[in-house]
Protein backbone atom coordinates (compact mmCIF):
# COMPACT_ATOMS: atom_id res chain seq x y z
CA MET A 1 0.08 0.06 0.06
CA ILE A 2 1.12 3.49 -0.49
CA ILE A 3 0.60 6.35 1.89
CA ASN A 4 0.16 9.55 0.26
CA THR A 5 0.27 12.09 3.10
CA GLY A 6 -0.05 15.71 0.88
CA MET A 7 -3.49 15.53 -0.39
CA ARG A 8 -5.24 17.56 2.54
CA THR A 9 -2.69 19.26 4.36
CA ASP A 10 1.03 19.44 4.96
CA ILE A 11 1.85 16.81 7.44
CA PRO A 12 5.59 17.17 7.83
CA ALA A 13 5.07 20.86 8.65
CA PHE A 14 2.25 21.11 10.88
CA TYR A 15 1.50 17.59 12.01
CA SER A 16 4.74 15.79 11.97
CA ARG A 17 3.87 14.72 15.99
CA TRP A 18 0.34 13.59 15.02
CA PHE A 19 1.97 11.37 12.48
CA LEU A 20 4.45 9.95 14.59
CA ASN A 21 1.81 8.81 17.08
CA ARG A 22 -0.24 7.14 14.63
CA LEU A 23 2.93 5.28 13.39
CA GLU A 24 3.52 4.00 16.73
CA ALA A 25 -0.16 3.01 17.26
CA GLY A 26 0.21 1.31 14.13
CA VAL A 27 -3.18 2.81 12.51
CA VAL A 28 -4.84 5.61 11.30
CA LEU A 29 -8.51 6.60 11.00
CA ILE A 30 -9.56 8.81 7.84
CA ARG A 31 -12.58 10.52 7.35
CA ASN A 32 -14.40 10.74 3.62
CA PRO A 33 -14.48 14.42 3.11
CA TYR A 34 -17.49 13.35 1.05
CA ASN A 35 -19.15 11.33 3.04
CA PRO A 36 -18.29 12.36 6.78
CA ASN A 37 -20.09 9.19 8.42
CA GLN A 38 -17.60 7.09 6.46
CA VAL A 39 -14.37 6.56 8.34
CA THR A 40 -11.94 4.05 7.05
CA ARG A 41 -9.16 2.18 9.36
CA TYR A 42 -5.55 1.91 7.63
CA ARG A 43 -2.73 -0.18 9.06
CA LEU A 44 0.30 1.49 9.10
CA SER A 45 2.58 -1.42 10.15
CA PRO A 46 6.03 -1.45 7.72
CA ASP A 47 4.84 -5.04 6.53
CA VAL A 48 1.75 -3.31 4.71
CA VAL A 49 2.71 -0.08 3.89
CA ASP A 50 5.46 -0.16 0.84
CA LEU A 51 5.83 3.62 0.73
CA ILE A 52 5.03 7.00 2.43
CA GLY A 53 4.87 9.76 0.23
CA PHE A 54 5.29 13.27 2.05
CA CYS A 55 4.35 16.69 0.04
CA THR A 56 5.55 19.80 2.13
CA LYS A 57 6.91 23.04 1.87
CA ASN A 58 8.75 22.54 5.44
CA PRO A 59 10.16 19.28 6.04
CA ALA A 60 12.18 20.37 8.83
CA PRO A 61 9.69 19.46 12.00
CA MET A 62 10.05 15.69 10.64
CA LEU A 63 13.48 15.74 10.12
CA PRO A 64 14.64 14.96 13.79
CA HIS A 65 12.61 11.88 13.83
CA MET A 66 13.77 10.14 10.44
CA ASP A 67 14.59 7.06 12.65
CA ALA A 68 11.06 6.49 13.18
CA LEU A 69 10.46 6.29 9.09
CA LYS A 70 13.40 3.94 8.64
CA ASP A 71 11.55 0.98 7.93
CA TYR A 72 9.38 2.64 5.04
CA GLY A 73 10.06 3.42 2.14
CA GLN A 74 9.88 7.14 1.58
CA TYR A 75 9.07 9.62 -1.10
CA TRP A 76 9.62 13.29 -0.52
CA LEU A 77 8.39 16.28 -2.80
CA VAL A 78 9.35 19.32 -1.05
CA THR A 79 8.07 22.55 -3.05
CA ILE A 80 10.34 25.87 -2.75
CA THR A 81 8.24 28.96 -3.48
CA PRO A 82 8.59 32.64 -1.95
CA TYR A 83 5.65 32.66 -0.55
CA TRP A 84 5.60 30.40 2.48
CA ARG A 85 4.14 32.11 5.58
CA GLY A 86 2.74 34.83 3.30
CA LYS A 87 5.82 36.75 2.74
CA ASP A 88 6.30 38.11 -0.99
């Protein structure tokens, strides 16, 4: 299974602690944005997850915790723009 973390928010920049807690717990619950009553439970074990894709503008909050990701394949897409934090 491939987990793409960048579709709704910037997980590494803003929710890295939450994501690391989910990895430690081994599961994550995802609510369907089009059907709020539908919640899907995904296992996050390295034997199930082949790759975690991160899309971020700021990988720095996740970098000190790379050891927690060592058992997972990873793909990082880091966007570099001059518009981070509202500065032109």
